[in-house]
Amino acid sequence: NYADSVKGRFTISINNAKTTVYLQMNSLKPEDT
């Protein structure tokens, strides 16, 4: 699930052990600060 403001730019994922969640943020904008 993604906010409309980040959809298509951010990707959330989780590792196999379910110990770490990642947020890959691409095409960053100043409003992402």
Full PDB file with SEQRES, HELIX, SHEET, SSBOND, CRYST1, ORIGX, SCALE, CONECT and MASTER records, all heavy atoms in Angstrom:
SEQRES   1 A   33  ASN TYR ALA ASP SER VAL LYS GLY ARG PHE THR ILE SER          
SEQRES   2 A   33  ILE ASN ASN ALA LYS THR THR VAL TYR LEU GLN MET ASN          
SEQRES   3 A   33  SER LEU LYS PRO GLU ASP THR                                  
HELIX    1 AA1 PRO A   30  ASP A   32  5                                   3    
SHEET    1 AA1 2 PHE A  10  ILE A  14  0                                        
SHEET    2 AA1 2 VAL A  21  MET A  25 -1                                        
CRYST1    1.000    1.000    1.000  90.00  90.00  90.00 P 1           1          
ORIGX1      1.000000  0.000000  0.000000        0.00000                         
ORIGX2      0.000000  1.000000  0.000000        0.00000                         
ORIGX3      0.000000  0.000000  1.000000        0.00000                         
SCALE1      1.000000  0.000000  0.000000        0.00000                         
SCALE2      0.000000  1.000000  0.000000        0.00000                         
SCALE3      0.000000  0.000000  1.000000        0.00000                         
ATOM      1  N   ASN A   1       0.836  -1.185   0.000  1.00  0.00           N  
ATOM      2  CA  ASN A   1       0.000   0.000   0.000  1.00  0.00           C  
ATOM      3  C   ASN A   1       0.876   1.242   0.000  1.00  0.00           C  
ATOM      4  O   ASN A   1       1.855   1.318   0.732  1.00  0.00           O  
ATOM      5  CB  ASN A   1      -0.922   0.011   1.222  1.00  0.00           C  
ATOM      6  CG  ASN A   1      -1.692  -1.275   1.398  1.00  0.00           C  
ATOM      7  OD1 ASN A   1      -1.328  -2.133   2.195  1.00  0.00           O  
ATOM      8  ND2 ASN A   1      -2.772  -1.418   0.636  1.00  0.00           N  
ATOM      9  N   TYR A   2       0.494   2.218  -0.817  1.00  0.00           N  
ATOM     10  CA  TYR A   2       1.286   3.433  -0.964  1.00  0.00           C  
ATOM     11  C   TYR A   2       0.397   4.656  -0.938  1.00  0.00           C  
ATOM     12  O   TYR A   2      -0.731   4.637  -1.439  1.00  0.00           O  
ATOM     13  CB  TYR A   2       2.062   3.431  -2.278  1.00  0.00           C  
ATOM     14  CG  TYR A   2       3.046   2.301  -2.417  1.00  0.00           C  
ATOM     15  CD1 TYR A   2       2.695   1.120  -3.050  1.00  0.00           C  
ATOM     16  CD2 TYR A   2       4.336   2.425  -1.915  1.00  0.00           C  
ATOM     17  CE1 TYR A   2       3.593   0.082  -3.175  1.00  0.00           C  
ATOM     18  CE2 TYR A   2       5.248   1.390  -2.033  1.00  0.00           C  
ATOM     19  CZ  TYR A   2       4.873   0.217  -2.666  1.00  0.00           C  
ATOM     20  OH  TYR A   2       5.776  -0.807  -2.792  1.00  0.00           O  
ATOM     21  N   ALA A   3       0.929   5.720  -0.368  1.00  0.00           N  
ATOM     22  CA  ALA A   3       0.273   7.008  -0.497  1.00  0.00           C  
ATOM     23  C   ALA A   3       0.318   7.444  -1.955  1.00  0.00           C  
ATOM     24  O   ALA A   3       1.265   7.139  -2.685  1.00  0.00           O  
ATOM     25  CB  ALA A   3       0.955   8.049   0.390  1.00  0.00           C  
ATOM     26  N   ASP A   4      -0.708   8.165  -2.381  1.00  0.00           N  
ATOM     27  CA  ASP A   4      -0.750   8.624  -3.766  1.00  0.00           C  
ATOM     28  C   ASP A   4       0.473   9.461  -4.132  1.00  0.00           C  
ATOM     29  O   ASP A   4       0.942   9.427  -5.272  1.00  0.00           O  
ATOM     30  CB  ASP A   4      -2.021   9.437  -4.013  1.00  0.00           C  
ATOM     31  CG  ASP A   4      -3.274   8.586  -4.015  1.00  0.00           C  
ATOM     32  OD1 ASP A   4      -3.168   7.358  -4.189  1.00  0.00           O  
ATOM     33  OD2 ASP A   4      -4.367   9.152  -3.847  1.00  0.00           O  
ATOM     34  N   SER A   5       0.998  10.192  -3.175  1.00  0.00           N  
ATOM     35  CA  SER A   5       2.112  11.081  -3.436  1.00  0.00           C  
ATOM     36  C   SER A   5       3.414  10.357  -3.753  1.00  0.00           C  
ATOM     37  O   SER A   5       4.331  10.958  -4.323  1.00  0.00           O  
ATOM     38  CB  SER A   5       2.329  12.023  -2.246  1.00  0.00           C  
ATOM     39  OG  SER A   5       2.612  11.293  -1.069  1.00  0.00           O  
ATOM     40  N   VAL A   6       3.517   9.081  -3.380  1.00  0.00           N  
ATOM     41  CA  VAL A   6       4.759   8.338  -3.597  1.00  0.00           C  
ATOM     42  C   VAL A   6       4.585   7.155  -4.536  1.00  0.00           C  
ATOM     43  O   VAL A   6       5.587   6.525  -4.904  1.00  0.00           O  
ATOM     44  CB  VAL A   6       5.371   7.854  -2.268  1.00  0.00           C  
ATOM     45  CG1 VAL A   6       5.538   9.021  -1.305  1.00  0.00           C  
ATOM     46  CG2 VAL A   6       4.518   6.750  -1.640  1.00  0.00           C  
ATOM     47  N   LYS A   7       3.374   6.851  -4.920  1.00  0.00           N  
ATOM     48  CA  LYS A   7       3.123   5.693  -5.779  1.00  0.00           C  
ATOM     49  C   LYS A   7       3.880   5.830  -7.097  1.00  0.00           C  
ATOM     50  O   LYS A   7       3.846   6.879  -7.735  1.00  0.00           O  
ATOM     51  CB  LYS A   7       1.626   5.538  -6.021  1.00  0.00           C  
ATOM     52  CG  LYS A   7       1.240   4.262  -6.759  1.00  0.00           C  
ATOM     53  CD  LYS A   7      -0.268   4.067  -6.782  1.00  0.00           C  
ATOM     54  CE  LYS A   7      -0.812   3.829  -5.393  1.00  0.00           C  
ATOM     55  NZ  LYS A   7      -2.257   3.495  -5.409  1.00  0.00           N  
ATOM     56  N   GLY A   8       4.546   4.754  -7.480  1.00  0.00           N  
ATOM     57  CA  GLY A   8       5.348   4.759  -8.685  1.00  0.00           C  
ATOM     58  C   GLY A   8       6.781   5.183  -8.467  1.00  0.00           C  
ATOM     59  O   GLY A   8       7.619   5.000  -9.355  1.00  0.00           O  
ATOM     60  N   ARG A   9       7.083   5.756  -7.305  1.00  0.00           N  
ATOM     61  CA  ARG A   9       8.434   6.190  -6.990  1.00  0.00           C  
ATOM     62  C   ARG A   9       9.055   5.403  -5.839  1.00  0.00           C  
ATOM     63  O   ARG A   9      10.262   5.176  -5.831  1.00  0.00           O  
ATOM     64  CB  ARG A   9       8.453   7.678  -6.641  1.00  0.00           C  
ATOM     65  CG  ARG A   9       7.955   8.577  -7.765  1.00  0.00           C  
ATOM     66  CD  ARG A   9       8.157  10.048  -7.421  1.00  0.00           C  
ATOM     67  NE  ARG A   9       7.396  10.455  -6.243  1.00  0.00           N  
ATOM     68  CZ  ARG A   9       7.936  10.916  -5.113  1.00  0.00           C  
ATOM     69  NH1 ARG A   9       9.260  11.036  -5.008  1.00  0.00           N  
ATOM     70  NH2 ARG A   9       7.168  11.269  -4.092  1.00  0.00           N  
ATOM     71  N   PHE A  10       8.239   5.012  -4.864  1.00  0.00           N  
ATOM     72  CA  PHE A  10       8.719   4.294  -3.690  1.00  0.00           C  
ATOM     73  C   PHE A  10       8.301   2.837  -3.773  1.00  0.00           C  
ATOM     74  O   PHE A  10       7.234   2.510  -4.303  1.00  0.00           O  
ATOM     75  CB  PHE A  10       8.146   4.892  -2.407  1.00  0.00           C  
ATOM     76  CG  PHE A  10       8.661   6.260  -2.045  1.00  0.00           C  
ATOM     77  CD1 PHE A  10       9.416   7.015  -2.924  1.00  0.00           C  
ATOM     78  CD2 PHE A  10       8.374   6.786  -0.794  1.00  0.00           C  
ATOM     79  CE1 PHE A  10       9.881   8.270  -2.586  1.00  0.00           C  
ATOM     80  CE2 PHE A  10       8.834   8.041  -0.432  1.00  0.00           C  
ATOM     81  CZ  PHE A  10       9.584   8.784  -1.325  1.00  0.00           C  
ATOM     82  N   THR A  11       9.124   1.958  -3.209  1.00  0.00           N  
ATOM     83  CA  THR A  11       8.823   0.540  -3.151  1.00  0.00           C  
ATOM     84  C   THR A  11       9.113   0.015  -1.757  1.00  0.00           C  
ATOM     85  O   THR A  11      10.216   0.197  -1.247  1.00  0.00           O  
ATOM     86  CB  THR A  11       9.646  -0.257  -4.173  1.00  0.00           C  
ATOM     87  OG1 THR A  11       9.400   0.242  -5.492  1.00  0.00           O  
ATOM     88  CG2 THR A  11       9.264  -1.735  -4.126  1.00  0.00           C  
ATOM     89  N   ILE A  12       8.131  -0.629  -1.149  1.00  0.00           N  
ATOM     90  CA  ILE A  12       8.304  -1.218   0.166  1.00  0.00           C  
ATOM     91  C   ILE A  12       8.502  -2.720   0.012  1.00  0.00           C  
ATOM     92  O   ILE A  12       7.892  -3.352  -0.848  1.00  0.00           O  
ATOM     93  CB  ILE A  12       7.105  -0.897   1.088  1.00  0.00           C  
ATOM     94  CG1 ILE A  12       7.389  -1.317   2.526  1.00  0.00           C  
ATOM     95  CG2 ILE A  12       5.821  -1.533   0.570  1.00  0.00           C  
ATOM     96  CD1 ILE A  12       6.352  -0.804   3.521  1.00  0.00           C  
ATOM     97  N   SER A  13       9.371  -3.296   0.830  1.00  0.00           N  
ATOM     98  CA  SER A  13       9.637  -4.725   0.775  1.00  0.00           C  
ATOM     99  C   SER A  13      10.065  -5.213   2.143  1.00  0.00           C  
ATOM    100  O   SER A  13      10.364  -4.423   3.037  1.00  0.00           O  
ATOM    101  CB  SER A  13      10.703  -5.049  -0.272  1.00  0.00           C  
ATOM    102  OG  SER A  13      11.931  -4.416   0.044  1.00  0.00           O  
ATOM    103  N   ILE A  14      10.101  -6.539   2.309  1.00  0.00           N  
ATOM    104  CA  ILE A  14      10.492  -7.139   3.574  1.00  0.00           C  
ATOM    105  C   ILE A  14      11.400  -8.319   3.287  1.00  0.00           C  
ATOM    106  O   ILE A  14      11.248  -9.002   2.271  1.00  0.00           O  
ATOM    107  CB  ILE A  14       9.244  -7.562   4.391  1.00  0.00           C  
ATOM    108  CG1 ILE A  14       9.629  -7.964   5.815  1.00  0.00           C  
ATOM    109  CG2 ILE A  14       8.474  -8.676   3.693  1.00  0.00           C  
ATOM    110  CD1 ILE A  14       8.427  -8.090   6.745  1.00  0.00           C  
ATOM    111  N   ASN A  15      12.366  -8.566   4.170  1.00  0.00           N  
ATOM    112  CA  ASN A  15      13.281  -9.671   3.945  1.00  0.00           C  
ATOM    113  C   ASN A  15      12.633 -11.002   4.317  1.00  0.00           C  
ATOM    114  O   ASN A  15      11.572 -11.055   4.931  1.00  0.00           O  
ATOM    115  CB  ASN A  15      14.600  -9.452   4.692  1.00  0.00           C  
ATOM    116  CG  ASN A  15      14.457  -9.504   6.203  1.00  0.00           C  
ATOM    117  OD1 ASN A  15      13.357  -9.484   6.744  1.00  0.00           O  
ATOM    118  ND2 ASN A  15      15.588  -9.569   6.889  1.00  0.00           N  
ATOM    119  N   ASN A  16      13.293 -12.098   3.939  1.00  0.00           N  
ATOM    120  CA  ASN A  16      12.711 -13.425   4.136  1.00  0.00           C  
ATOM    121  C   ASN A  16      12.529 -13.778   5.605  1.00  0.00           C  
ATOM    122  O   ASN A  16      11.581 -14.484   5.963  1.00  0.00           O  
ATOM    123  CB  ASN A  16      13.573 -14.487   3.460  1.00  0.00           C  
ATOM    124  CG  ASN A  16      13.533 -14.405   1.951  1.00  0.00           C  
ATOM    125  OD1 ASN A  16      12.572 -13.913   1.366  1.00  0.00           O  
ATOM    126  ND2 ASN A  16      14.582 -14.903   1.306  1.00  0.00           N  
ATOM    127  N   ALA A  17      13.427 -13.303   6.451  1.00  0.00           N  
ATOM    128  CA  ALA A  17      13.336 -13.581   7.880  1.00  0.00           C  
ATOM    129  C   ALA A  17      12.304 -12.722   8.583  1.00  0.00           C  
ATOM    130  O   ALA A  17      12.062 -12.918   9.778  1.00  0.00           O  
ATOM    131  CB  ALA A  17      14.704 -13.388   8.534  1.00  0.00           C  
ATOM    132  N   LYS A  18      11.734 -11.777   7.888  1.00  0.00           N  
ATOM    133  CA  LYS A  18      10.721 -10.871   8.442  1.00  0.00           C  
ATOM    134  C   LYS A  18      11.282 -10.043   9.594  1.00  0.00           C  
ATOM    135  O   LYS A  18      10.603  -9.769  10.573  1.00  0.00           O  
ATOM    136  CB  LYS A  18       9.479 -11.646   8.888  1.00  0.00           C  
ATOM    137  CG  LYS A  18       8.871 -12.528   7.806  1.00  0.00           C  
ATOM    138  CD  LYS A  18       8.365 -11.694   6.639  1.00  0.00           C  
ATOM    139  CE  LYS A  18       7.563 -12.530   5.651  1.00  0.00           C  
ATOM    140  NZ  LYS A  18       8.427 -13.427   4.839  1.00  0.00           N  
ATOM    141  N   THR A  19      12.545  -9.650   9.460  1.00  0.00           N  
ATOM    142  CA  THR A  19      13.197  -8.837  10.475  1.00  0.00           C  
ATOM    143  C   THR A  19      13.500  -7.422  10.002  1.00  0.00           C  
ATOM    144  O   THR A  19      13.826  -6.560  10.820  1.00  0.00           O  
ATOM    145  CB  THR A  19      14.517  -9.477  10.925  1.00  0.00           C  
ATOM    146  OG1 THR A  19      15.354  -9.708   9.789  1.00  0.00           O  
ATOM    147  CG2 THR A  19      14.253 -10.801  11.637  1.00  0.00           C  
ATOM    148  N   THR A  20      13.407  -7.180   8.710  1.00  0.00           N  
ATOM    149  CA  THR A  20      13.743  -5.873   8.166  1.00  0.00           C  
ATOM    150  C   THR A  20      12.763  -5.493   7.065  1.00  0.00           C  
ATOM    151  O   THR A  20      12.471  -6.300   6.187  1.00  0.00           O  
ATOM    152  CB  THR A  20      15.163  -5.852   7.591  1.00  0.00           C  
ATOM    153  OG1 THR A  20      16.097  -6.289   8.585  1.00  0.00           O  
ATOM    154  CG2 THR A  20      15.542  -4.455   7.137  1.00  0.00           C  
ATOM    155  N   VAL A  21      12.269  -4.282   7.133  1.00  0.00           N  
ATOM    156  CA  VAL A  21      11.439  -3.718   6.079  1.00  0.00           C  
ATOM    157  C   VAL A  21      12.217  -2.597   5.411  1.00  0.00           C  
ATOM    158  O   VAL A  21      12.839  -1.772   6.088  1.00  0.00           O  
ATOM    159  CB  VAL A  21      10.100  -3.204   6.627  1.00  0.00           C  
ATOM    160  CG1 VAL A  21       9.351  -2.406   5.566  1.00  0.00           C  
ATOM    161  CG2 VAL A  21       9.243  -4.374   7.099  1.00  0.00           C  
ATOM    162  N   TYR A  22      12.176  -2.569   4.093  1.00  0.00           N  
ATOM    163  CA  TYR A  22      12.909  -1.588   3.323  1.00  0.00           C  
ATOM    164  C   TYR A  22      11.952  -0.631   2.634  1.00  0.00           C  
ATOM    165  O   TYR A  22      10.815  -0.981   2.304  1.00  0.00           O  
ATOM    166  CB  TYR A  22      13.776  -2.267   2.263  1.00  0.00           C  
ATOM    167  CG  TYR A  22      14.709  -3.310   2.812  1.00  0.00           C  
ATOM    168  CD1 TYR A  22      14.377  -4.652   2.774  1.00  0.00           C  
ATOM    169  CD2 TYR A  22      15.926  -2.941   3.381  1.00  0.00           C  
ATOM    170  CE1 TYR A  22      15.233  -5.612   3.286  1.00  0.00           C  
ATOM    171  CE2 TYR A  22      16.784  -3.893   3.893  1.00  0.00           C  
ATOM    172  CZ  TYR A  22      16.431  -5.229   3.837  1.00  0.00           C  
ATOM    173  OH  TYR A  22      17.288  -6.175   4.349  1.00  0.00           O  
ATOM    174  N   LEU A  23      12.429   0.567   2.411  1.00  0.00           N  
ATOM    175  CA  LEU A  23      11.712   1.540   1.610  1.00  0.00           C  
ATOM    176  C   LEU A  23      12.683   2.110   0.588  1.00  0.00           C  
ATOM    177  O   LEU A  23      13.545   2.929   0.933  1.00  0.00           O  
ATOM    178  CB  LEU A  23      11.118   2.652   2.468  1.00  0.00           C  
ATOM    179  CG  LEU A  23      10.231   3.652   1.725  1.00  0.00           C  
ATOM    180  CD1 LEU A  23       8.942   2.978   1.251  1.00  0.00           C  
ATOM    181  CD2 LEU A  23       9.901   4.854   2.601  1.00  0.00           C  
ATOM    182  N   GLN A  24      12.562   1.643  -0.648  1.00  0.00           N  
ATOM    183  CA  GLN A  24      13.368   2.164  -1.740  1.00  0.00           C  
ATOM    184  C   GLN A  24      12.690   3.405  -2.282  1.00  0.00           C  
ATOM    185  O   GLN A  24      11.548   3.344  -2.732  1.00  0.00           O  
ATOM    186  CB  GLN A  24      13.527   1.118  -2.840  1.00  0.00           C  
ATOM    187  CG  GLN A  24      14.317   1.597  -4.043  1.00  0.00           C  
ATOM    188  CD  GLN A  24      15.763   1.866  -3.718  1.00  0.00           C  
ATOM    189  OE1 GLN A  24      16.408   1.051  -3.072  1.00  0.00           O  
ATOM    190  NE2 GLN A  24      16.267   3.005  -4.151  1.00  0.00           N  
ATOM    191  N   MET A  25      13.388   4.522  -2.254  1.00  0.00           N  
ATOM    192  CA  MET A  25      12.829   5.801  -2.654  1.00  0.00           C  
ATOM    193  C   MET A  25      13.591   6.308  -3.867  1.00  0.00           C  
ATOM    194  O   MET A  25      14.785   6.609  -3.778  1.00  0.00           O  
ATOM    195  CB  MET A  25      12.901   6.814  -1.515  1.00  0.00           C  
ATOM    196  CG  MET A  25      12.254   6.321  -0.222  1.00  0.00           C  
ATOM    197  SD  MET A  25      12.194   7.595   1.065  1.00  0.00           S  
ATOM    198  CE  MET A  25      13.945   7.852   1.334  1.00  0.00           C  
ATOM    199  N   ASN A  26      12.908   6.387  -4.989  1.00  0.00           N  
ATOM    200  CA  ASN A  26      13.486   6.878  -6.231  1.00  0.00           C  
ATOM    201  C   ASN A  26      12.800   8.170  -6.656  1.00  0.00           C  
ATOM    202  O   ASN A  26      11.712   8.497  -6.190  1.00  0.00           O  
ATOM    203  CB  ASN A  26      13.347   5.830  -7.340  1.00  0.00           C  
ATOM    204  CG  ASN A  26      14.064   4.546  -7.037  1.00  0.00           C  
ATOM    205  OD1 ASN A  26      15.120   4.539  -6.412  1.00  0.00           O  
ATOM    206  ND2 ASN A  26      13.496   3.431  -7.496  1.00  0.00           N  
ATOM    207  N   SER A  27      13.447   8.879  -7.561  1.00  0.00           N  
ATOM    208  CA  SER A  27      12.900  10.131  -8.088  1.00  0.00           C  
ATOM    209  C   SER A  27      12.463  11.062  -6.968  1.00  0.00           C  
ATOM    210  O   SER A  27      11.367  11.624  -6.985  1.00  0.00           O  
ATOM    211  CB  SER A  27      11.731   9.837  -9.035  1.00  0.00           C  
ATOM    212  OG  SER A  27      12.133   9.014 -10.107  1.00  0.00           O  
ATOM    213  N   LEU A  28      13.320  11.237  -6.000  1.00  0.00           N  
ATOM    214  CA  LEU A  28      12.971  12.004  -4.814  1.00  0.00           C  
ATOM    215  C   LEU A  28      12.725  13.470  -5.140  1.00  0.00           C  
ATOM    216  O   LEU A  28      13.391  14.057  -5.993  1.00  0.00           O  
ATOM    217  CB  LEU A  28      14.066  11.879  -3.764  1.00  0.00           C  
ATOM    218  CG  LEU A  28      14.054  10.548  -3.004  1.00  0.00           C  
ATOM    219  CD1 LEU A  28      15.381  10.315  -2.311  1.00  0.00           C  
ATOM    220  CD2 LEU A  28      12.908  10.537  -1.995  1.00  0.00           C  
ATOM    221  N   LYS A  29      11.767  14.038  -4.438  1.00  0.00           N  
ATOM    222  CA  LYS A  29      11.371  15.427  -4.590  1.00  0.00           C  
ATOM    223  C   LYS A  29      11.605  16.178  -3.284  1.00  0.00           C  
ATOM    224  O   LYS A  29      11.634  15.574  -2.216  1.00  0.00           O  
ATOM    225  CB  LYS A  29       9.890  15.521  -4.960  1.00  0.00           C  
ATOM    226  CG  LYS A  29       9.489  14.738  -6.198  1.00  0.00           C  
ATOM    227  CD  LYS A  29       7.989  14.783  -6.400  1.00  0.00           C  
ATOM    228  CE  LYS A  29       7.567  13.997  -7.617  1.00  0.00           C  
ATOM    229  NZ  LYS A  29       6.088  14.031  -7.804  1.00  0.00           N  
ATOM    230  N   PRO A  30      11.746  17.494  -3.339  1.00  0.00           N  
ATOM    231  CA  PRO A  30      11.915  18.255  -2.093  1.00  0.00           C  
ATOM    232  C   PRO A  30      10.803  18.010  -1.083  1.00  0.00           C  
ATOM    233  O   PRO A  30      11.066  18.003   0.129  1.00  0.00           O  
ATOM    234  CB  PRO A  30      11.931  19.709  -2.572  1.00  0.00           C  
ATOM    235  CG  PRO A  30      12.483  19.635  -3.949  1.00  0.00           C  
ATOM    236  CD  PRO A  30      11.927  18.357  -4.525  1.00  0.00           C  
ATOM    237  N   GLU A  31       9.582  17.793  -1.549  1.00  0.00           N  
ATOM    238  CA  GLU A  31       8.478  17.549  -0.639  1.00  0.00           C  
ATOM    239  C   GLU A  31       8.542  16.189   0.045  1.00  0.00           C  
ATOM    240  O   GLU A  31       7.727  15.903   0.930  1.00  0.00           O  
ATOM    241  CB  GLU A  31       7.130  17.711  -1.358  1.00  0.00           C  
ATOM    242  CG  GLU A  31       7.030  16.932  -2.653  1.00  0.00           C  
ATOM    243  CD  GLU A  31       7.333  17.781  -3.878  1.00  0.00           C  
ATOM    244  OE1 GLU A  31       8.324  18.531  -3.857  1.00  0.00           O  
ATOM    245  OE2 GLU A  31       6.570  17.689  -4.863  1.00  0.00           O  
ATOM    246  N   ASP A  32       9.492  15.342  -0.349  1.00  0.00           N  
ATOM    247  CA  ASP A  32       9.722  14.084   0.346  1.00  0.00           C  
ATOM    248  C   ASP A  32      10.564  14.264   1.601  1.00  0.00           C  
ATOM    249  O   ASP A  32      10.743  13.314   2.362  1.00  0.00           O  
ATOM    250  CB  ASP A  32      10.421  13.076  -0.573  1.00  0.00           C  
ATOM    251  CG  ASP A  32       9.554  12.660  -1.742  1.00  0.00           C  
ATOM    252  OD1 ASP A  32       8.342  12.434  -1.545  1.00  0.00           O  
ATOM    253  OD2 ASP A  32      10.095  12.552  -2.862  1.00  0.00           O  
ATOM    254  N   THR A  33      11.082  15.453   1.809  1.00  0.00           N  
ATOM    255  CA  THR A  33      11.910  15.736   2.973  1.00  0.00           C  
ATOM    256  C   THR A  33      11.126  15.511   4.265  1.00  0.00           C  
ATOM    257  O   THR A  33       9.952  15.872   4.368  1.00  0.00           O  
ATOM    258  CB  THR A  33      12.432  17.177   2.917  1.00  0.00           C  
ATOM    259  OG1 THR A  33      13.328  17.314   1.810  1.00  0.00           O  
ATOM    260  CG2 THR A  33      13.172  17.546   4.198  1.00  0.00           C  
TER     261      THR A  33                                                      
MASTER        0    0    0    1    2    0    0    6  260    1    0    3          
END                                                                             
